[in-house]
Structures are given as structure tokens and as C-alpha cells.
């Protein structure tokens, strides 16, 4: 068995502490080897389950560690491109939290740096590593719902009482579309293998960040709608409506915390339910390691993430086009 991928983490935030570093620790082909944080006390919870953890007080020092193979970047959104590029320049494969970029044009630099380095670089879009989404993709391709007509996605939570949170701050590139809009946009694209031709949108803003987005789009052969909000009660769901059936994904994005991972098919012939018990964060880490070593193609390369960012850019453009917005064409 090959040596595990030795991971370093830039930053010691809550999500890294509660989700991703435990996933790295649990992955069969990975080792959580180092963390960089300006406050050594923040490293203590990480050392609780990895006593031999190397702690750096400087991000560049971690990148200079020749023993590190891959870097996970969970920093605030506005720092993602910078530290992805620095990690690649230091010879590290890099997995960066979403959104890896703030606009589509930034992918030119990211893809060029990845190709020049000959290393894997990707956005941490974990749903595509979950078998429920592979099942949805296969069912649609097999015609389980007949001809696809309409896709609907919802992802909402309410953080109005947390003004200090980076998602509520414009200086850290916060906002709902960049935080959670990627999920209905990205999973719809993954499942259908299609790109939008036209988008309409209505976006509400507070203190410089988008808080509610209502999006409608036309795809080849079907329509799409999504509601994304940081000012509504916690909820998530995706559905795929065809002329012969419906697919429902009841915990599409965070099945470990929101509910059980279930895919329900209702059509003229049957009603079926598939359940999955998988940690998608562990699967993401393991797949990243396999892709690093040429054992598989990574399911969400930068080119895939670029398509999702294009949808976000189109949504902002459509919403900014006047009262009620105007359609923005895919280009």
C-alpha cells in the first residue's frame, strides 16, 4: 500500500476543526500532518486527535515543508485564489474551500498554474463525492424520470443574528450565492451534464452582501429554479421532474447534519427509495488522494467549478440589470 498523502491545513477555523480535519484523519489514504495558524492556542483542538501534528505560526512556513504533499485551504473567500496559487507554486496539490474564486475570469490563472505545476488543484465541492449524487446522475441518464422537464433546488439558513460572520461581511467576499448557491447550481450541472443558456434572477442585499436569491434558468430541454437564502429557516432539497417521474433528494448537500441521505424515485411504474450512509468529506479526501496518484479522474476539476462560477456571475449580472432583472445569456 502506498504511503498516505500528508496533508497540511492553512487556518484553524470551525469548519476545518469540525469537518475537514476529522475527515483527513479518517481517510484511509491520508495523514493529517500539519496546520498553520497565527494563534497557537487554536491548534490545540486539532492536536487532541493528532498528537504528532506539526504546528506552524505562518502559512508560508507550512508551504515550505517538504514533507507536506497536499494543502487544504479553508480561509475566508477573498484569500482563496491567492493561497491556491501559492500552494501550487510551492509544489503542493491543493484543495480549496468553495468558492475557490470570486469570478469566472480568475479561473484562467488557477488553471494555468495547475497545468504549469502538473499538480491537482480543486474546489472542495463535496456533494459530487457522495454516492447519492452518482445515483441521481445515473437515474437521469437511464431515463428513470423520462424526458427531464424541470429541476428545482432550495438551500436556506438564517444567520441574521451573526453580523460578525464572514458570510455577512463584504470585505471577506461574503454572501449567500458564493456560500451556498454553488450547491444547487453545481449539483444540477453534475446530475444533468448540461449548462444554462439563459438566467433570470432577483437578489436582495444587506450591508453589501447578497442575502436572498431567486433564480430561474433555461437549460437545453428543461428549466431550472433555485432559492438561496441566508435569511430563511434551515432547509435544503433538490428535485428533478420528468414527463414520466420525479426524483427527490431530501438531504442533498449536508446529509450528515441535515438528515439522512435519501434518493426517492416516483414514476408510473414504481416508487423506490435509496439510502446512503457515507461521509462525503472523507470520500472527498480519499478521492483527492487517488486522483493525485493517477488512480482515478477527479469528479470536479477546476473546469467544472468554472461552470458553476459562471452561473453565479450570470445571476449577479441578471439581478443587477434593473427592476426584476433581465435575462443574461450564456457566453
Foldseek 3Di string as FASTA:
>chain_A
DDAAQEEEEEDLDDCCLPAQLVLQVPFPRHDDAEYEDLDVVSCVSVCVVPVNHHYHPDPVVVLQDPSHAAYEYEDQQVCLLVVLLVSLVSLHEYEYEFPSHQFLVSVVVNVVSCVVSVFAYYYPQLLVLFVLLVVLLVCVVVCLQPQWAEKEKEFEAADVVCCVDSLNAVVSVHAFCRPPVLQVLLSVCLSDVWAFFKKAKAFDDDHNYTAWMWMKTHIVRYIYIYITGNRDHGAIKMKIHHPFWIWIFGCRRCCVPPHWGKIWIDGPPDIDIDTDDDSSSSSQSNLSRCVRVVNDPRSQGSVSSSRSSQVVVQRVQQNPCDVSGDMDGDD
